[in-house]
Amino acid sequence: MFMLQDEYKEKIDSFLRQAIEEGVFPGAVLGIVNANGVLYKEAFGYRQLEPEKQEMTLDTIFDLASLTKVVATTTSIMQLLEQGKLNLWDSLVKFYPEVSLEKSEITVFHLMTHTSGFQAIVQLWDSGLSYAEKIEYILNLPLEYKTGSQVVYSDPNYILLGDLVRKISGLGLDEYVEQNISKPLMLTSTTFNPLKKLPANRKLAATEMCSWRGRIVRGEVHDENAASFDGVSGHAGLFSNVDDLCIFLQMLLNKGTYKEERVLLPQTVQLIRKDWTFNLNQHRGLGWDLIKNPFSSGGVLLSEEAFGHTGFTGTSLWVDPTMKIGVILLSNRVHPSRENTKIITLRPRLHNLIVSTLLSV
């Protein structure tokens, strides 16, 4: 395994220590990989400040927030596509025949590229609705724009895609991910509902002081809608650590394979990072964001082939198939409050520093 030499590692270490001093987040874990192994892995600061301080460690498990969309849901949907159980151009009506005529043009593709017409956010957690009623509620939402006419990043799209995994596979999204992603990749800390699924001694990063739940959240999903789905949803709810995500990104860099275990076909990895919305207001792959967008969290030095995603809690993944590197940033920036948004300007600067450092080696 090739690790960065101390003189190069110190540039990145110093950058993240300064970020903590400036209050960007209480703590963070950063991992950098290439197709063959780990180049860099380090922990900084604290995984919890309240009610008592706890130091950040490399094995700390984080609430991935919207990284759930790409690690769990997109990967699951594309596996089902490979198995012939759905197609990108399958209409929503095929799976939900009760939907209105207005939504007859919406396909799996539109959900994955955030071009469906559904609104960005929906509030379900205090609705008193059952699981089935929540899905029905989303299906009955009026469209905010014409299907296929623009990109609007939308949680309802991925709530529906997570439900599609359940409808098609016969397994809950959590069970499907465990059997078809975590198990073949030997991921030991990637799961929904870690308080129930992982050993009692696991180390968990704290998130927000939640007004709805009346406590600091740790080990329970931060996203209120996902919490109302008992912690399992296509848009949020997955937890993981840097070691598991290093493996996941190496799988993508190796065109869908890790240590001879194939999770996705090379053609599928190519599909998820293709620019499917080049003619619209944003550049999107299938599930994944693309570096071509202005103000990208991946900065400006990664190649034009790079793809990534962010999570509201302070997490992000970026993969560059041209440079053959992957970057994992895991932080607890919403602890103790989501009002701290300093990470928005830090992410691109960090990725630019990483690229320039690696090119100096």
Protein backbone atom coordinates (compact mmCIF):
# COMPACT_ATOMS: atom_id res chain seq x y z
CA MET A 1 0.00 0.00 0.00
CA PHE A 2 1.43 3.38 -1.03
CA MET A 3 0.82 6.19 1.46
CA LEU A 4 1.66 9.85 0.98
CA GLN A 5 5.07 10.87 2.28
CA ASP A 6 5.09 13.02 5.42
CA GLU A 7 5.97 16.27 3.64
CA TYR A 8 2.93 15.96 1.36
CA LYS A 9 0.64 14.55 4.04
CA GLU A 10 1.41 17.51 6.31
CA LYS A 11 -0.08 19.97 3.78
CA ILE A 12 -3.43 18.21 4.00
CA ASP A 13 -3.19 17.65 7.76
CA SER A 14 -2.50 21.33 8.34
CA PHE A 15 -5.43 22.35 6.13
CA LEU A 16 -7.89 20.24 8.13
CA ARG A 17 -6.51 21.25 11.51
CA GLN A 18 -6.98 24.88 10.46
CA ALA A 19 -10.55 24.10 9.35
CA ILE A 20 -11.34 22.80 12.83
CA GLU A 21 -9.80 25.90 14.43
CA GLU A 22 -12.00 28.04 12.18
CA GLY A 23 -15.11 26.12 13.26
CA VAL A 24 -15.90 24.50 9.91
CA PHE A 25 -16.74 21.29 11.79
CA PRO A 26 -15.94 19.75 15.19
CA GLY A 27 -14.09 16.88 13.52
CA ALA A 28 -13.47 15.04 10.28
CA VAL A 29 -12.00 11.94 8.73
CA LEU A 30 -10.40 12.16 5.29
CA GLY A 31 -9.52 9.28 3.01
CA ILE A 32 -7.82 9.32 -0.41
CA VAL A 33 -7.54 6.20 -2.56
CA ASN A 34 -6.37 5.10 -5.97
CA ALA A 35 -7.41 1.92 -7.77
CA ASN A 36 -4.81 -0.11 -5.89
CA GLY A 37 -5.09 1.06 -2.31
CA VAL A 38 -5.23 3.85 0.25
CA LEU A 39 -3.01 6.90 -0.25
CA TYR A 40 -4.08 8.86 2.81
CA LYS A 41 -6.28 8.31 5.85
CA GLU A 42 -6.44 10.53 8.93
CA ALA A 43 -8.83 11.67 11.67
CA PHE A 44 -9.05 15.15 13.20
CA GLY A 45 -10.87 16.86 16.04
CA TYR A 46 -13.89 15.50 17.87
CA ARG A 47 -16.72 13.23 16.86
CA GLN A 48 -18.84 14.76 19.63
CA LEU A 49 -18.78 18.03 21.58
CA GLU A 50 -22.00 17.70 23.55
CA PRO A 51 -22.95 16.47 26.10
CA GLU A 52 -19.26 15.50 26.50
CA LYS A 53 -16.24 15.68 24.21
CA GLN A 54 -15.16 12.53 22.38
CA GLU A 55 -12.14 12.44 20.08
CA MET A 56 -12.51 11.58 16.42
CA THR A 57 -11.04 8.22 15.40
CA LEU A 58 -10.54 6.50 12.07
CA ASP A 59 -13.21 3.92 12.88
CA THR A 60 -15.88 6.56 13.63
CA ILE A 61 -19.16 5.83 11.86
CA PHE A 62 -20.98 8.75 10.24
CA ASP A 63 -24.51 9.48 9.13
CA LEU A 64 -23.95 9.73 5.36
CA ALA A 65 -27.16 11.70 4.72
CA SER A 66 -27.64 12.08 0.93
CA LEU A 67 -24.64 9.89 0.12
CA THR A 68 -27.28 7.22 0.71
CA LYS A 69 -28.65 8.19 -2.71
CA VAL A 70 -25.49 7.10 -4.55
CA VAL A 71 -23.90 4.44 -2.33
CA ALA A 72 -27.09 2.52 -1.55
CA THR A 73 -29.95 3.47 -3.88
CA THR A 74 -28.23 4.20 -7.19
CA THR A 75 -26.03 1.12 -6.86
CA SER A 76 -29.07 -1.03 -6.02
CA ILE A 77 -31.14 0.32 -8.92
CA MET A 78 -28.30 -0.27 -11.38
CA GLN A 79 -27.85 -3.84 -10.15
CA LEU A 80 -31.55 -4.47 -10.73
CA LEU A 81 -31.15 -2.98 -14.20
CA GLU A 82 -28.29 -5.40 -14.92
CA GLN A 83 -30.55 -8.26 -13.79
CA GLY A 84 -33.22 -7.24 -16.30
CA LYS A 85 -35.71 -6.33 -13.56
CA LEU A 86 -36.13 -2.73 -14.68
CA ASN A 87 -34.97 -0.36 -17.39
CA LEU A 88 -34.05 3.32 -17.26
CA TRP A 89 -36.96 4.15 -19.54
CA ASP A 90 -39.58 2.25 -17.54
CA SER A 91 -42.44 4.56 -16.68
CA LEU A 92 -43.47 5.29 -13.11
CA VAL A 93 -46.90 4.02 -14.15
CA LYS A 94 -45.46 0.52 -14.64
CA PHE A 95 -44.72 0.28 -10.91
CA TYR A 96 -47.45 2.60 -9.61
CA PRO A 97 -50.45 2.22 -11.95
CA GLU A 98 -52.47 4.54 -9.73
CA VAL A 99 -50.43 7.66 -10.62
CA SER A 100 -52.15 10.47 -12.49
CA LEU A 101 -51.94 11.09 -16.23
CA GLU A 102 -49.78 14.14 -15.45
CA LYS A 103 -47.01 11.80 -14.28
CA SER A 104 -47.25 9.25 -17.10
CA GLU A 105 -44.04 10.58 -18.70
CA ILE A 106 -41.90 10.14 -15.56
CA THR A 107 -39.40 7.29 -15.89
CA VAL A 108 -36.74 5.71 -13.69
CA PHE A 109 -34.28 7.88 -15.63
CA HIS A 110 -36.09 11.07 -14.61
CA LEU A 111 -36.04 10.06 -10.95
CA MET A 112 -32.30 9.27 -11.08
CA THR A 113 -31.36 12.49 -12.88
CA HIS A 114 -33.66 14.71 -10.78
CA THR A 115 -35.64 15.74 -13.85
CA SER A 116 -39.01 14.28 -12.84
CA GLY A 117 -40.82 17.51 -12.00
CA PHE A 118 -41.19 16.65 -8.30
CA GLN A 119 -40.42 19.36 -5.75
CA ALA A 120 -37.11 19.43 -3.89
CA ILE A 121 -38.30 18.70 -0.34
CA VAL A 122 -41.39 17.24 1.27
CA GLN A 123 -42.29 17.18 4.98
CA LEU A 124 -43.54 13.75 6.00
CA TRP A 125 -42.22 13.22 9.53
CA ASP A 126 -45.08 14.82 11.43
CA SER A 127 -47.83 13.73 9.05
CA GLY A 128 -49.03 10.70 11.00
CA LEU A 129 -49.03 8.70 7.75
CA SER A 130 -48.02 5.04 7.41
CA TYR A 131 -45.22 3.94 5.07
CA ALA A 132 -47.65 3.17 2.26
CA GLU A 133 -49.53 6.43 2.81
CA LYS A 134 -46.29 8.43 2.59
CA ILE A 135 -45.43 6.84 -0.76
CA GLU A 136 -48.97 7.56 -1.96
CA TYR A 137 -48.65 11.16 -0.75
CA ILE A 138 -45.48 11.65 -2.83
CA LEU A 139 -47.07 10.06 -5.88
CA ASN A 140 -49.95 12.50 -5.58
CA LEU A 141 -47.77 15.61 -5.30
CA PRO A 142 -48.41 18.10 -8.11
CA LEU A 143 -45.42 18.51 -10.41
CA GLU A 144 -43.59 21.82 -10.10
CA TYR A 145 -42.20 21.82 -13.66
CA LYS A 146 -42.54 19.84 -16.89
CA THR A 147 -40.91 16.41 -16.72
CA GLY A 148 -37.50 16.44 -18.39
CA SER A 149 -37.29 20.21 -18.74
CA GLN A 150 -34.85 20.97 -15.92
CA VAL A 151 -32.84 19.52 -13.06
CA VAL A 152 -34.22 20.10 -9.56
CA TYR A 153 -32.44 18.04 -6.90
CA SER A 154 -35.25 16.24 -5.10
CA ASP A 155 -35.53 13.93 -2.09
CA PRO A 156 -38.95 12.61 -3.27
CA ASN A 157 -37.24 11.18 -6.38
CA TYR A 158 -34.99 9.01 -4.25
CA ILE A 159 -37.64 8.09 -1.71
CA LEU A 160 -39.52 6.57 -4.66
CA LEU A 161 -36.38 4.85 -6.01
CA GLY A 162 -35.76 3.28 -2.59
CA ASP A 163 -39.33 2.02 -2.62
CA LEU A 164 -38.78 0.63 -6.13
CA VAL A 165 -35.89 -1.49 -4.79
CA ARG A 166 -38.34 -2.88 -2.23
CA LYS A 167 -41.12 -3.50 -4.77
CA ILE A 168 -38.88 -5.17 -7.34
CA SER A 169 -36.51 -7.18 -5.12
CA GLY A 170 -38.94 -8.12 -2.37
CA LEU A 171 -36.39 -6.88 0.19
CA GLY A 172 -36.30 -3.70 2.21
CA LEU A 173 -33.62 -1.33 0.96
CA ASP A 174 -31.57 -2.04 4.09
CA GLU A 175 -31.72 -5.81 3.49
CA TYR A 176 -30.95 -5.41 -0.20
CA VAL A 177 -27.89 -3.25 0.48
CA GLU A 178 -26.63 -5.64 3.13
CA GLN A 179 -26.90 -8.67 0.84
CA ASN A 180 -25.82 -7.14 -2.47
CA ILE A 181 -23.38 -4.32 -1.61
CA SER A 182 -22.05 -4.64 1.94
CA LYS A 183 -21.60 -8.42 1.93
CA PRO A 184 -19.75 -8.81 -1.40
CA LEU A 185 -17.51 -5.82 -0.65
CA MET A 186 -16.94 -7.02 2.93
CA LEU A 187 -18.13 -3.69 4.36
CA THR A 188 -18.35 -4.08 8.13
CA SER A 189 -19.75 -0.67 9.15
CA THR A 190 -22.10 0.26 6.31
CA THR A 191 -25.69 -0.11 7.38
CA PHE A 192 -28.98 1.56 8.15
CA ASN A 193 -29.91 1.86 11.85
CA PRO A 194 -26.44 1.18 13.30
CA LEU A 195 -27.71 1.20 16.89
CA LYS A 196 -29.64 -1.96 16.04
CA LYS A 197 -27.26 -3.55 13.53
CA LEU A 198 -23.73 -2.94 14.85
CA PRO A 199 -21.94 -3.97 18.07
CA ALA A 200 -22.55 -1.90 21.20
CA ASN A 201 -18.94 -0.61 21.27
CA ARG A 202 -19.15 1.10 17.86
CA LYS A 203 -18.02 4.73 17.69
CA LEU A 204 -20.58 7.12 16.22
CA ALA A 205 -20.28 10.77 15.20
CA ALA A 206 -22.91 12.99 16.77
CA THR A 207 -25.09 15.19 14.59
CA GLU A 208 -27.58 17.86 15.56
CA MET A 209 -29.48 18.90 18.65
CA CYS A 210 -32.83 17.94 17.14
CA SER A 211 -35.78 20.10 18.19
CA TRP A 212 -38.22 17.46 16.93
CA ARG A 213 -36.65 14.66 19.02
CA GLY A 214 -35.42 16.89 21.84
CA ARG A 215 -31.88 15.51 22.04
CA ILE A 216 -28.47 15.30 20.38
CA VAL A 217 -28.79 12.71 17.61
CA ARG A 218 -26.15 9.99 17.43
CA GLY A 219 -26.60 6.67 15.65
CA GLU A 220 -30.10 7.65 14.51
CA VAL A 221 -30.55 9.18 11.08
CA HIS A 222 -30.42 12.97 11.18
CA ASP A 223 -32.89 13.46 8.31
CA GLU A 224 -36.40 13.71 9.74
CA ASN A 225 -38.15 12.12 6.76
CA ALA A 226 -35.78 9.14 6.83
CA ALA A 227 -36.37 8.84 10.59
CA SER A 228 -40.10 8.68 9.91
CA PHE A 229 -39.42 5.71 7.59
CA ASP A 230 -37.85 3.89 10.60
CA GLY A 231 -34.40 4.96 9.46
CA VAL A 232 -34.52 3.31 6.03
CA SER A 233 -35.13 5.42 2.93
CA GLY A 234 -33.69 5.83 -0.54
CA HIS A 235 -32.67 9.44 0.06
CA ALA A 236 -30.99 9.21 3.50
CA GLY A 237 -30.35 6.81 6.38
CA LEU A 238 -27.14 4.97 5.49
CA PHE A 239 -24.19 5.05 7.91
CA SER A 240 -20.58 4.15 7.15
CA ASN A 241 -16.93 4.87 7.96
CA VAL A 242 -13.83 5.78 5.98
CA ASP A 243 -12.54 2.21 5.59
CA ASP A 244 -15.75 0.97 3.98
CA LEU A 245 -16.02 3.99 1.70
CA CYS A 246 -12.40 3.59 0.60
CA ILE A 247 -13.41 0.11 -0.60
CA PHE A 248 -16.54 1.46 -2.31
CA LEU A 249 -14.57 4.09 -4.23
CA GLN A 250 -11.88 1.58 -5.19
CA MET A 251 -14.67 -0.58 -6.60
CA LEU A 252 -15.79 2.34 -8.79
CA LEU A 253 -12.21 3.11 -9.85
CA ASN A 254 -11.79 -0.56 -10.80
CA LYS A 255 -14.89 -0.39 -13.03
CA GLY A 256 -17.25 -2.14 -10.64
CA THR A 257 -14.94 -4.77 -9.14
CA TYR A 258 -13.09 -5.04 -5.83
CA LYS A 259 -10.75 -7.95 -5.12
CA GLU A 260 -12.36 -10.04 -7.89
CA GLU A 261 -15.85 -9.38 -6.50
CA ARG A 262 -17.99 -7.67 -9.12
CA VAL A 263 -20.68 -5.31 -7.83
CA LEU A 264 -21.37 -3.45 -11.09
CA LEU A 265 -20.46 -3.99 -14.74
CA PRO A 266 -17.88 -1.64 -16.29
CA GLN A 267 -20.62 -0.45 -18.65
CA THR A 268 -22.79 0.42 -15.65
CA VAL A 269 -20.07 2.51 -14.00
CA GLN A 270 -19.73 4.33 -17.31
CA LEU A 271 -23.48 4.97 -17.38
CA ILE A 272 -23.73 6.43 -13.87
CA ARG A 273 -21.05 9.05 -14.61
CA LYS A 274 -22.26 9.98 -18.09
CA ASP A 275 -23.52 13.55 -18.51
CA TRP A 276 -27.21 12.82 -19.09
CA THR A 277 -28.45 16.40 -18.64
CA PHE A 278 -25.82 18.36 -20.62
CA ASN A 279 -28.58 20.32 -22.35
CA LEU A 280 -30.33 21.39 -19.14
CA ASN A 281 -29.51 23.74 -16.25
CA GLN A 282 -27.20 21.30 -14.40
CA HIS A 283 -24.89 18.43 -15.32
CA ARG A 284 -26.03 15.17 -13.69
CA GLY A 285 -25.15 11.53 -14.01
CA LEU A 286 -27.44 8.76 -12.78
CA GLY A 287 -27.68 9.73 -9.13
CA TRP A 288 -24.26 11.32 -9.16
CA ASP A 289 -23.31 14.99 -9.47
CA LEU A 290 -20.69 15.96 -12.07
CA ILE A 291 -17.65 18.20 -11.74
CA LYS A 292 -18.77 20.30 -14.74
CA ASN A 293 -21.27 22.24 -12.63
CA PRO A 294 -20.26 25.75 -11.52
CA PHE A 295 -19.36 26.00 -7.83
CA SER A 296 -18.81 22.24 -7.65
CA SER A 297 -17.91 20.83 -4.23
CA GLY A 298 -15.15 18.93 -6.04
CA GLY A 299 -13.31 22.14 -6.90
CA VAL A 300 -11.81 22.97 -10.29
CA LEU A 301 -8.68 20.79 -10.53
CA LEU A 302 -10.24 17.35 -10.81
CA SER A 303 -10.66 16.22 -14.42
CA GLU A 304 -13.85 16.76 -16.42
CA GLU A 305 -14.65 13.06 -15.91
CA ALA A 306 -14.96 13.39 -12.13
CA PHE A 307 -18.24 12.60 -10.38
CA GLY A 308 -19.31 12.93 -6.76
CA HIS A 309 -21.99 13.74 -4.22
CA THR A 310 -22.42 15.52 -0.90
CA GLY A 311 -24.39 14.78 2.24
CA PHE A 312 -26.13 17.40 4.40
CA THR A 313 -24.45 16.22 7.61
CA GLY A 314 -21.01 17.14 6.22
CA THR A 315 -20.03 14.19 4.06
CA SER A 316 -18.86 13.91 0.46
CA LEU A 317 -17.40 11.51 -2.10
CA TRP A 318 -15.53 12.38 -5.31
CA VAL A 319 -14.17 9.96 -7.89
CA ASP A 320 -11.90 10.91 -10.77
CA PRO A 321 -11.48 8.06 -13.29
CA THR A 322 -8.90 10.04 -15.27
CA MET A 323 -6.63 10.85 -12.33
CA LYS A 324 -7.63 7.48 -10.85
CA ILE A 325 -8.26 8.83 -7.35
CA GLY A 326 -11.17 8.92 -4.94
CA VAL A 327 -11.68 11.30 -2.01
CA ILE A 328 -13.84 10.66 1.07
CA LEU A 329 -14.59 13.52 3.46
CA LEU A 330 -16.63 12.61 6.52
CA SER A 331 -17.48 15.34 9.04
CA ASN A 332 -20.08 16.19 11.67
CA ARG A 333 -20.56 19.79 10.55
CA VAL A 334 -24.21 19.87 11.77
CA HIS A 335 -23.10 19.14 15.35
CA PRO A 336 -24.55 20.75 17.31
CA SER A 337 -26.39 22.89 14.73
CA ARG A 338 -27.10 22.85 10.98
CA GLU A 339 -26.68 26.63 10.93
CA ASN A 340 -22.92 26.12 10.40
CA THR A 341 -22.46 26.18 6.60
CA LYS A 342 -18.72 26.91 6.41
CA ILE A 343 -18.13 23.51 4.78
CA ILE A 344 -19.61 24.81 1.50
CA THR A 345 -16.53 26.90 0.72
CA LEU A 346 -14.10 24.43 2.30
CA ARG A 347 -14.93 21.41 0.13
CA PRO A 348 -13.73 22.80 -3.23
CA ARG A 349 -10.59 24.26 -1.64
CA LEU A 350 -9.80 20.89 -0.05
CA HIS A 351 -10.18 19.01 -3.33
CA ASN A 352 -8.01 21.54 -5.15
CA LEU A 353 -5.32 21.12 -2.47
CA ILE A 354 -5.50 17.31 -2.73
CA VAL A 355 -5.06 17.36 -6.50
CA SER A 356 -2.15 19.80 -6.39
CA THR A 357 -0.51 17.78 -3.60
CA LEU A 358 -0.85 14.48 -5.46
CA LEU A 359 0.52 16.03 -8.66
CA SER A 360 3.53 17.24 -6.68
CA VAL A 361 4.43 13.71 -5.48
